[in-house]
Amino acid sequence: MSLLSALALFGTIGTPELLIILVIVVLLFGASKLPQLGGAIGKTVKNFKQEMREGAAEGTAGQKAAEGFRICSKCGIEIKDKDAAFCAKCGQAL
């Protein structure tokens, strides 16, 4: 079964379905726990996005290092001075 046929099996989720899901969540967790649950989900999404950005930056830094460029491990900028011992932007030892 392909992904499209599986999605067609469930149909689209509209407003009535979302309201039913919300009522079930309120019954399961209670109204007092919903702000905590929302905050935890928000922090999780924020951390995930941050890790994705850092992973992409590490990939770019790795490519530049392979090409012979020196990259600061703290701020990620390209170091043009080949003899530099510290990053000019953040002061990190190279």
PDB file of N, CA and C in Angstrom:
ATOM      1  N   MET A   1       0.849  -1.170   0.000  1.00  0.00           N
ATOM      2  CA  MET A   1       0.000   0.000   0.000  1.00  0.00           C
ATOM      3  C   MET A   1       0.897   1.236   0.000  1.00  0.00           C
ATOM      4  N   SER A   2       0.668   2.122  -0.950  1.00  0.00           N
ATOM      5  CA  SER A   2       1.482   3.328  -1.035  1.00  0.00           C
ATOM      6  C   SER A   2       1.007   4.359  -0.014  1.00  0.00           C
ATOM      7  N   LEU A   3       1.829   5.370   0.164  1.00  0.00           N
ATOM      8  CA  LEU A   3       1.521   6.423   1.129  1.00  0.00           C
ATOM      9  C   LEU A   3       0.263   7.178   0.733  1.00  0.00           C
ATOM     10  N   LEU A   4       0.117   7.439  -0.563  1.00  0.00           N
ATOM     11  CA  LEU A   4      -1.063   8.174  -1.023  1.00  0.00           C
ATOM     12  C   LEU A   4      -2.343   7.391  -0.790  1.00  0.00           C
ATOM     13  N   SER A   5      -2.308   6.088  -1.039  1.00  0.00           N
ATOM     14  CA  SER A   5      -3.516   5.298  -0.814  1.00  0.00           C
ATOM     15  C   SER A   5      -3.822   5.179   0.677  1.00  0.00           C
ATOM     16  N   ALA A   6      -2.774   5.165   1.515  1.00  0.00           N
ATOM     17  CA  ALA A   6      -3.000   5.126   2.960  1.00  0.00           C
ATOM     18  C   ALA A   6      -3.623   6.427   3.439  1.00  0.00           C
ATOM     19  N   LEU A   7      -3.158   7.563   2.902  1.00  0.00           N
ATOM     20  CA  LEU A   7      -3.741   8.844   3.267  1.00  0.00           C
ATOM     21  C   LEU A   7      -5.181   8.967   2.774  1.00  0.00           C
ATOM     22  N   ALA A   8      -5.452   8.441   1.591  1.00  0.00           N
ATOM     23  CA  ALA A   8      -6.812   8.477   1.064  1.00  0.00           C
ATOM     24  C   ALA A   8      -7.752   7.629   1.911  1.00  0.00           C
ATOM     25  N   LEU A   9      -7.227   6.590   2.526  1.00  0.00           N
ATOM     26  CA  LEU A   9      -8.028   5.726   3.383  1.00  0.00           C
ATOM     27  C   LEU A   9      -8.528   6.509   4.599  1.00  0.00           C
ATOM     28  N   PHE A  10      -7.699   7.372   5.155  1.00  0.00           N
ATOM     29  CA  PHE A  10      -8.085   8.149   6.322  1.00  0.00           C
ATOM     30  C   PHE A  10      -8.820   9.431   5.948  1.00  0.00           C
ATOM     31  N   GLY A  11      -8.669   9.910   4.745  1.00  0.00           N
ATOM     32  CA  GLY A  11      -9.330  11.137   4.335  1.00  0.00           C
ATOM     33  C   GLY A  11      -8.625  12.356   4.883  1.00  0.00           C
ATOM     34  N   THR A  12      -9.304  13.459   4.842  1.00  0.00           N
ATOM     35  CA  THR A  12      -8.727  14.690   5.367  1.00  0.00           C
ATOM     36  C   THR A  12      -9.268  14.952   6.758  1.00  0.00           C
ATOM     37  N   ILE A  13      -8.466  15.629   7.558  1.00  0.00           N
ATOM     38  CA  ILE A  13      -8.882  15.974   8.913  1.00  0.00           C
ATOM     39  C   ILE A  13      -9.417  17.393   8.870  1.00  0.00           C
ATOM     40  N   GLY A  14     -10.675  17.553   9.216  1.00  0.00           N
ATOM     41  CA  GLY A  14     -11.317  18.861   9.206  1.00  0.00           C
ATOM     42  C   GLY A  14     -11.523  19.391  10.612  1.00  0.00           C
ATOM     43  N   THR A  15     -12.264  20.472  10.706  1.00  0.00           N
ATOM     44  CA  THR A  15     -12.530  21.112  11.993  1.00  0.00           C
ATOM     45  C   THR A  15     -13.270  20.201  12.975  1.00  0.00           C
ATOM     46  N   PRO A  16     -14.310  19.487  12.561  1.00  0.00           N
ATOM     47  CA  PRO A  16     -14.995  18.621  13.532  1.00  0.00           C
ATOM     48  C   PRO A  16     -14.078  17.532  14.107  1.00  0.00           C
ATOM     49  N   GLU A  17     -13.237  16.979  13.265  1.00  0.00           N
ATOM     50  CA  GLU A  17     -12.317  15.945  13.733  1.00  0.00           C
ATOM     51  C   GLU A  17     -11.306  16.509  14.719  1.00  0.00           C
ATOM     52  N   LEU A  18     -10.794  17.712  14.428  1.00  0.00           N
ATOM     53  CA  LEU A  18      -9.839  18.358  15.337  1.00  0.00           C
ATOM     54  C   LEU A  18     -10.481  18.670  16.684  1.00  0.00           C
ATOM     55  N   LEU A  19     -11.732  19.093  16.667  1.00  0.00           N
ATOM     56  CA  LEU A  19     -12.435  19.367  17.921  1.00  0.00           C
ATOM     57  C   LEU A  19     -12.621  18.097  18.745  1.00  0.00           C
ATOM     58  N   ILE A  20     -12.929  16.999  18.091  1.00  0.00           N
ATOM     59  CA  ILE A  20     -13.073  15.716  18.795  1.00  0.00           C
ATOM     60  C   ILE A  20     -11.737  15.304  19.411  1.00  0.00           C
ATOM     61  N   ILE A  21     -10.664  15.470  18.658  1.00  0.00           N
ATOM     62  CA  ILE A  21      -9.331  15.135  19.182  1.00  0.00           C
ATOM     63  C   ILE A  21      -8.995  16.016  20.378  1.00  0.00           C
ATOM     64  N   LEU A  22      -9.313  17.302  20.308  1.00  0.00           N
ATOM     65  CA  LEU A  22      -9.054  18.225  21.418  1.00  0.00           C
ATOM     66  C   LEU A  22      -9.841  17.821  22.664  1.00  0.00           C
ATOM     67  N   VAL A  23     -11.098  17.442  22.504  1.00  0.00           N
ATOM     68  CA  VAL A  23     -11.906  17.008  23.643  1.00  0.00           C
ATOM     69  C   VAL A  23     -11.304  15.765  24.277  1.00  0.00           C
ATOM     70  N   ILE A  24     -10.846  14.828  23.465  1.00  0.00           N
ATOM     71  CA  ILE A  24     -10.237  13.603  23.998  1.00  0.00           C
ATOM     72  C   ILE A  24      -8.958  13.935  24.765  1.00  0.00           C
ATOM     73  N   VAL A  25      -8.141  14.839  24.227  1.00  0.00           N
ATOM     74  CA  VAL A  25      -6.900  15.235  24.908  1.00  0.00           C
ATOM     75  C   VAL A  25      -7.211  15.898  26.240  1.00  0.00           C
ATOM     76  N   VAL A  26      -8.233  16.761  26.273  1.00  0.00           N
ATOM     77  CA  VAL A  26      -8.611  17.423  27.528  1.00  0.00           C
ATOM     78  C   VAL A  26      -9.086  16.391  28.544  1.00  0.00           C
ATOM     79  N   LEU A  27      -9.852  15.408  28.098  1.00  0.00           N
ATOM     80  CA  LEU A  27     -10.325  14.370  29.008  1.00  0.00           C
ATOM     81  C   LEU A  27      -9.178  13.513  29.538  1.00  0.00           C
ATOM     82  N   LEU A  28      -8.204  13.229  28.692  1.00  0.00           N
ATOM     83  CA  LEU A  28      -7.081  12.382  29.113  1.00  0.00           C
ATOM     84  C   LEU A  28      -6.136  13.107  30.067  1.00  0.00           C
ATOM     85  N   PHE A  29      -5.765  14.337  29.737  1.00  0.00           N
ATOM     86  CA  PHE A  29      -4.729  15.038  30.491  1.00  0.00           C
ATOM     87  C   PHE A  29      -5.288  16.043  31.493  1.00  0.00           C
ATOM     88  N   GLY A  30      -6.487  16.513  31.295  1.00  0.00           N
ATOM     89  CA  GLY A  30      -7.051  17.535  32.172  1.00  0.00           C
ATOM     90  C   GLY A  30      -6.665  18.912  31.682  1.00  0.00           C
ATOM     91  N   ALA A  31      -7.538  19.876  31.931  1.00  0.00           N
ATOM     92  CA  ALA A  31      -7.321  21.235  31.430  1.00  0.00           C
ATOM     93  C   ALA A  31      -6.108  21.901  32.079  1.00  0.00           C
ATOM     94  N   SER A  32      -5.781  21.519  33.310  1.00  0.00           N
ATOM     95  CA  SER A  32      -4.650  22.160  33.985  1.00  0.00           C
ATOM     96  C   SER A  32      -3.304  21.709  33.417  1.00  0.00           C
ATOM     97  N   LYS A  33      -3.253  20.550  32.803  1.00  0.00           N
ATOM     98  CA  LYS A  33      -1.993  20.033  32.248  1.00  0.00           C
ATOM     99  C   LYS A  33      -1.749  20.485  30.812  1.00  0.00           C
ATOM    100  N   LEU A  34      -2.754  21.033  30.136  1.00  0.00           N
ATOM    101  CA  LEU A  34      -2.590  21.415  28.733  1.00  0.00           C
ATOM    102  C   LEU A  34      -1.520  22.481  28.517  1.00  0.00           C
ATOM    103  N   PRO A  35      -1.415  23.536  29.336  1.00  0.00           N
ATOM    104  CA  PRO A  35      -0.328  24.510  29.114  1.00  0.00           C
ATOM    105  C   PRO A  35       1.054  23.875  29.263  1.00  0.00           C
ATOM    106  N   GLN A  36       1.208  22.972  30.223  1.00  0.00           N
ATOM    107  CA  GLN A  36       2.491  22.286  30.396  1.00  0.00           C
ATOM    108  C   GLN A  36       2.791  21.407  29.191  1.00  0.00           C
ATOM    109  N   LEU A  37       1.771  20.711  28.696  1.00  0.00           N
ATOM    110  CA  LEU A  37       1.943  19.841  27.536  1.00  0.00           C
ATOM    111  C   LEU A  37       2.313  20.661  26.301  1.00  0.00           C
ATOM    112  N   GLY A  38       1.633  21.798  26.114  1.00  0.00           N
ATOM    113  CA  GLY A  38       1.948  22.676  24.980  1.00  0.00           C
ATOM    114  C   GLY A  38       3.353  23.241  25.071  1.00  0.00           C
ATOM    115  N   GLY A  39       3.753  23.631  26.287  1.00  0.00           N
ATOM    116  CA  GLY A  39       5.112  24.151  26.478  1.00  0.00           C
ATOM    117  C   GLY A  39       6.167  23.107  26.184  1.00  0.00           C
ATOM    118  N   ALA A  40       5.916  21.875  26.617  1.00  0.00           N
ATOM    119  CA  ALA A  40       6.876  20.795  26.366  1.00  0.00           C
ATOM    120  C   ALA A  40       6.993  20.502  24.873  1.00  0.00           C
ATOM    121  N   ILE A  41       5.863  20.519  24.177  1.00  0.00           N
ATOM    122  CA  ILE A  41       5.895  20.285  22.732  1.00  0.00           C
ATOM    123  C   ILE A  41       6.631  21.428  22.031  1.00  0.00           C
ATOM    124  N   GLY A  42       6.381  22.672  22.471  1.00  0.00           N
ATOM    125  CA  GLY A  42       7.070  23.820  21.881  1.00  0.00           C
ATOM    126  C   GLY A  42       8.571  23.761  22.081  1.00  0.00           C
ATOM    127  N   LYS A  43       9.022  23.387  23.279  1.00  0.00           N
ATOM    128  CA  LYS A  43      10.460  23.260  23.545  1.00  0.00           C
ATOM    129  C   LYS A  43      11.072  22.159  22.697  1.00  0.00           C
ATOM    130  N   THR A  44      10.340  21.071  22.529  1.00  0.00           N
ATOM    131  CA  THR A  44      10.836  19.962  21.714  1.00  0.00           C
ATOM    132  C   THR A  44      11.032  20.403  20.272  1.00  0.00           C
ATOM    133  N   VAL A  45      10.053  21.104  19.719  1.00  0.00           N
ATOM    134  CA  VAL A  45      10.155  21.583  18.337  1.00  0.00           C
ATOM    135  C   VAL A  45      11.306  22.584  18.202  1.00  0.00           C
ATOM    136  N   LYS A  46      11.444  23.474  19.181  1.00  0.00           N
ATOM    137  CA  LYS A  46      12.527  24.473  19.151  1.00  0.00           C
ATOM    138  C   LYS A  46      13.889  23.788  19.174  1.00  0.00           C
ATOM    139  N   ASN A  47      14.070  22.805  20.062  1.00  0.00           N
ATOM    140  CA  ASN A  47      15.341  22.074  20.132  1.00  0.00           C
ATOM    141  C   ASN A  47      15.618  21.312  18.855  1.00  0.00           C
ATOM    142  N   PHE A  48      14.568  20.722  18.276  1.00  0.00           N
ATOM    143  CA  PHE A  48      14.741  19.983  17.019  1.00  0.00           C
ATOM    144  C   PHE A  48      15.220  20.904  15.908  1.00  0.00           C
ATOM    145  N   LYS A  49      14.597  22.075  15.783  1.00  0.00           N
ATOM    146  CA  LYS A  49      15.004  23.025  14.746  1.00  0.00           C
ATOM    147  C   LYS A  49      16.438  23.504  14.968  1.00  0.00           C
ATOM    148  N   GLN A  50      16.801  23.755  16.230  1.00  0.00           N
ATOM    149  CA  GLN A  50      18.162  24.199  16.538  1.00  0.00           C
ATOM    150  C   GLN A  50      19.180  23.126  16.163  1.00  0.00           C
ATOM    151  N   GLU A  51      18.890  21.883  16.485  1.00  0.00           N
ATOM    152  CA  GLU A  51      19.807  20.797  16.138  1.00  0.00           C
ATOM    153  C   GLU A  51      19.917  20.625  14.625  1.00  0.00           C
ATOM    154  N   MET A  52      18.822  20.828  13.913  1.00  0.00           N
ATOM    155  CA  MET A  52      18.869  20.737  12.448  1.00  0.00           C
ATOM    156  C   MET A  52      19.757  21.843  11.871  1.00  0.00           C
ATOM    157  N   ARG A  53      19.641  23.080  12.416  1.00  0.00           N
ATOM    158  CA  ARG A  53      20.501  24.169  11.939  1.00  0.00           C
ATOM    159  C   ARG A  53      21.964  23.885  12.241  1.00  0.00           C
ATOM    160  N   GLU A  54      22.241  23.376  13.453  1.00  0.00           N
ATOM    161  CA  GLU A  54      23.625  23.074  13.821  1.00  0.00           C
ATOM    162  C   GLU A  54      24.186  21.947  12.960  1.00  0.00           C
ATOM    163  N   GLY A  55      23.360  20.963  12.659  1.00  0.00           N
ATOM    164  CA  GLY A  55      23.806  19.866  11.797  1.00  0.00           C
ATOM    165  C   GLY A  55      24.126  20.352  10.401  1.00  0.00           C
ATOM    166  N   ALA A  56      23.304  21.264   9.880  1.00  0.00           N
ATOM    167  CA  ALA A  56      23.565  21.828   8.553  1.00  0.00           C
ATOM    168  C   ALA A  56      24.833  22.666   8.569  1.00  0.00           C
ATOM    169  N   ALA A  57      25.056  23.408   9.656  1.00  0.00           N
ATOM    170  CA  ALA A  57      26.265  24.233   9.762  1.00  0.00           C
ATOM    171  C   ALA A  57      27.504  23.350   9.850  1.00  0.00           C
ATOM    172  N   GLU A  58      27.422  22.235  10.571  1.00  0.00           N
ATOM    173  CA  GLU A  58      28.558  21.325  10.662  1.00  0.00           C
ATOM    174  C   GLU A  58      28.867  20.715   9.307  1.00  0.00           C
ATOM    175  N   GLY A  59      27.829  20.418   8.534  1.00  0.00           N
ATOM    176  CA  GLY A  59      28.038  19.868   7.195  1.00  0.00           C
ATOM    177  C   GLY A  59      28.755  20.858   6.304  1.00  0.00           C
ATOM    178  N   THR A  60      28.357  22.124   6.365  1.00  0.00           N
ATOM    179  CA  THR A  60      28.993  23.166   5.565  1.00  0.00           C
ATOM    180  C   THR A  60      30.436  23.378   6.020  1.00  0.00           C
ATOM    181  N   ALA A  61      30.654  23.376   7.337  1.00  0.00           N
ATOM    182  CA  ALA A  61      32.012  23.560   7.859  1.00  0.00           C
ATOM    183  C   ALA A  61      32.902  22.396   7.447  1.00  0.00           C
ATOM    184  N   GLY A  62      32.357  21.199   7.463  1.00  0.00           N
ATOM    185  CA  GLY A  62      33.127  20.026   7.057  1.00  0.00           C
ATOM    186  C   GLY A  62      33.514  20.084   5.588  1.00  0.00           C
ATOM    187  N   GLN A  63      32.620  20.587   4.744  1.00  0.00           N
ATOM    188  CA  GLN A  63      32.925  20.724   3.326  1.00  0.00           C
ATOM    189  C   GLN A  63      34.026  21.758   3.109  1.00  0.00           C
ATOM    190  N   LYS A  64      33.938  22.890   3.814  1.00  0.00           N
ATOM    191  CA  LYS A  64      34.956  23.927   3.648  1.00  0.00           C
ATOM    192  C   LYS A  64      36.299  23.452   4.187  1.00  0.00           C
ATOM    193  N   ALA A  65      36.283  22.700   5.305  1.00  0.00           N
ATOM    194  CA  ALA A  65      37.538  22.193   5.857  1.00  0.00           C
ATOM    195  C   ALA A  65      38.174  21.215   4.880  1.00  0.00           C
ATOM    196  N   ALA A  66      37.365  20.430   4.200  1.00  0.00           N
ATOM    197  CA  ALA A  66      37.893  19.490   3.217  1.00  0.00           C
ATOM    198  C   ALA A  66      38.490  20.227   2.019  1.00  0.00           C
ATOM    199  N   GLU A  67      37.986  21.429   1.746  1.00  0.00           N
ATOM    200  CA  GLU A  67      38.501  22.215   0.628  1.00  0.00           C
ATOM    201  C   GLU A  67      39.740  23.021   1.017  1.00  0.00           C
ATOM    202  N   GLY A  68      40.177  22.950   2.286  1.00  0.00           N
ATOM    203  CA  GLY A  68      41.379  23.636   2.711  1.00  0.00           C
ATOM    204  C   GLY A  68      41.141  24.906   3.495  1.00  0.00           C
ATOM    205  N   PHE A  69      39.891  25.275   3.743  1.00  0.00           N
ATOM    206  CA  PHE A  69      39.586  26.453   4.539  1.00  0.00           C
ATOM    207  C   PHE A  69      39.660  26.110   6.018  1.00  0.00           C
ATOM    208  N   ARG A  70      40.015  27.101   6.837  1.00  0.00           N
ATOM    209  CA  ARG A  70      39.964  26.931   8.284  1.00  0.00           C
ATOM    210  C   ARG A  70      38.666  27.548   8.771  1.00  0.00           C
ATOM    211  N   ILE A  71      37.960  26.819   9.635  1.00  0.00           N
ATOM    212  CA  ILE A  71      36.665  27.239  10.134  1.00  0.00           C
ATOM    213  C   ILE A  71      36.719  27.291  11.658  1.00  0.00           C
ATOM    214  N   CYS A  72      36.167  28.360  12.237  1.00  0.00           N
ATOM    215  CA  CYS A  72      36.073  28.462  13.694  1.00  0.00           C
ATOM    216  C   CYS A  72      35.013  27.484  14.182  1.00  0.00           C
ATOM    217  N   SER A  73      35.361  26.661  15.173  1.00  0.00           N
ATOM    218  CA  SER A  73      34.420  25.659  15.664  1.00  0.00           C
ATOM    219  C   SER A  73      33.314  26.266  16.511  1.00  0.00           C
ATOM    220  N   LYS A  74      33.511  27.476  17.021  1.00  0.00           N
ATOM    221  CA  LYS A  74      32.500  28.101  17.870  1.00  0.00           C
ATOM    222  C   LYS A  74      31.485  28.905  17.057  1.00  0.00           C
ATOM    223  N   CYS A  75      31.962  29.811  16.214  1.00  0.00           N
ATOM    224  CA  CYS A  75      31.037  30.682  15.482  1.00  0.00           C
ATOM    225  C   CYS A  75      30.862  30.279  14.024  1.00  0.00           C
ATOM    226  N   GLY A  76      31.729  29.430  13.495  1.00  0.00           N
ATOM    227  CA  GLY A  76      31.555  28.883  12.158  1.00  0.00           C
ATOM    228  C   GLY A  76      32.014  29.772  11.015  1.00  0.00           C
ATOM    229  N   ILE A  77      32.725  30.865  11.300  1.00  0.00           N
ATOM    230  CA  ILE A  77      33.175  31.712  10.201  1.00  0.00           C
ATOM    231  C   ILE A  77      34.473  31.168   9.607  1.00  0.00           C
ATOM    232  N   GLU A  78      34.724  31.574   8.380  1.00  0.00           N
ATOM    233  CA  GLU A  78      35.935  31.148   7.676  1.00  0.00           C
ATOM    234  C   GLU A  78      37.108  32.008   8.131  1.00  0.00           C
ATOM    235  N   ILE A  79      38.220  31.367   8.498  1.00  0.00           N
ATOM    236  CA  ILE A  79      39.423  32.076   8.929  1.00  0.00           C
ATOM    237  C   ILE A  79      40.333  32.222   7.717  1.00  0.00           C
ATOM    238  N   LYS A  80      40.582  33.472   7.329  1.00  0.00           N
ATOM    239  CA  LYS A  80      41.391  33.721   6.135  1.00  0.00           C
ATOM    240  C   LYS A  80      42.875  33.733   6.435  1.00  0.00           C
ATOM    241  N   ASP A  81      43.240  34.111   7.649  1.00  0.00           N
ATOM    242  CA  ASP A  81      44.645  34.146   8.041  1.00  0.00           C
ATOM    243  C   ASP A  81      45.090  32.729   8.402  1.00  0.00           C
ATOM    244  N   LYS A  82      46.008  32.170   7.624  1.00  0.00           N
ATOM    245  CA  LYS A  82      46.437  30.787   7.843  1.00  0.00           C
ATOM    246  C   LYS A  82      47.241  30.612   9.120  1.00  0.00           C
ATOM    247  N   ASP A  83      47.864  31.687   9.614  1.00  0.00           N
ATOM    248  CA  ASP A  83      48.696  31.608  10.811  1.00  0.00           C
ATOM    249  C   ASP A  83      47.965  32.025  12.085  1.00  0.00           C
ATOM    250  N   ALA A  84      46.684  32.364  11.994  1.00  0.00           N
ATOM    251  CA  ALA A  84      45.932  32.848  13.158  1.00  0.00           C
ATOM    252  C   ALA A  84      45.780  31.729  14.193  1.00  0.00           C
ATOM    253  N   ALA A  85      45.955  32.091  15.453  1.00  0.00           N
ATOM    254  CA  ALA A  85      45.792  31.135  16.553  1.00  0.00           C
ATOM    255  C   ALA A  85      44.407  31.262  17.188  1.00  0.00           C
ATOM    256  N   PHE A  86      43.740  32.409  16.983  1.00  0.00           N
ATOM    257  CA  PHE A  86      42.428  32.660  17.577  1.00  0.00           C
ATOM    258  C   PHE A  86      41.498  33.232  16.511  1.00  0.00           C
ATOM    259  N   CYS A  87      40.222  33.001  16.696  1.00  0.00           N
ATOM    260  CA  CYS A  87      39.206  33.546  15.800  1.00  0.00           C
ATOM    261  C   CYS A  87      39.089  35.034  16.053  1.00  0.00           C
ATOM    262  N   ALA A  88      39.046  35.836  14.979  1.00  0.00           N
ATOM    263  CA  ALA A  88      38.941  37.280  15.107  1.00  0.00           C
ATOM    264  C   ALA A  88      37.559  37.712  15.581  1.00  0.00           C
ATOM    265  N   LYS A  89      36.522  36.910  15.343  1.00  0.00           N
ATOM    266  CA  LYS A  89      35.164  37.291  15.716  1.00  0.00           C
ATOM    267  C   LYS A  89      34.842  36.932  17.165  1.00  0.00           C
ATOM    268  N   CYS A  90      35.136  35.678  17.570  1.00  0.00           N
ATOM    269  CA  CYS A  90      34.711  35.237  18.898  1.00  0.00           C
ATOM    270  C   CYS A  90      35.863  34.962  19.868  1.00  0.00           C
ATOM    271  N   GLY A  91      37.101  34.905  19.384  1.00  0.00           N
ATOM    272  CA  GLY A  91      38.254  34.683  20.248  1.00  0.00           C
ATOM    273  C   GLY A  91      38.530  33.229  20.565  1.00  0.00           C
ATOM    274  N   GLN A  92      37.818  32.320  19.956  1.00  0.00           N
ATOM    275  CA  GLN A  92      38.017  30.878  20.169  1.00  0.00           C
ATOM    276  C   GLN A  92      39.399  30.461  19.664  1.00  0.00           C
ATOM    277  N   ALA A  93      40.087  29.631  20.450  1.00  0.00           N
ATOM    278  CA  ALA A  93      41.381  29.118  19.992  1.00  0.00           C
ATOM    279  C   ALA A  93      41.157  28.165  18.823  1.00  0.00           C
ATOM    280  N   LEU A  94      42.010  28.284  17.823  1.00  0.00           N
ATOM    281  CA  LEU A  94      41.880  27.447  16.627  1.00  0.00           C
ATOM    282  C   LEU A  94      42.733  26.210  16.705  1.00  0.00           C
TER     283      LEU A  94
END
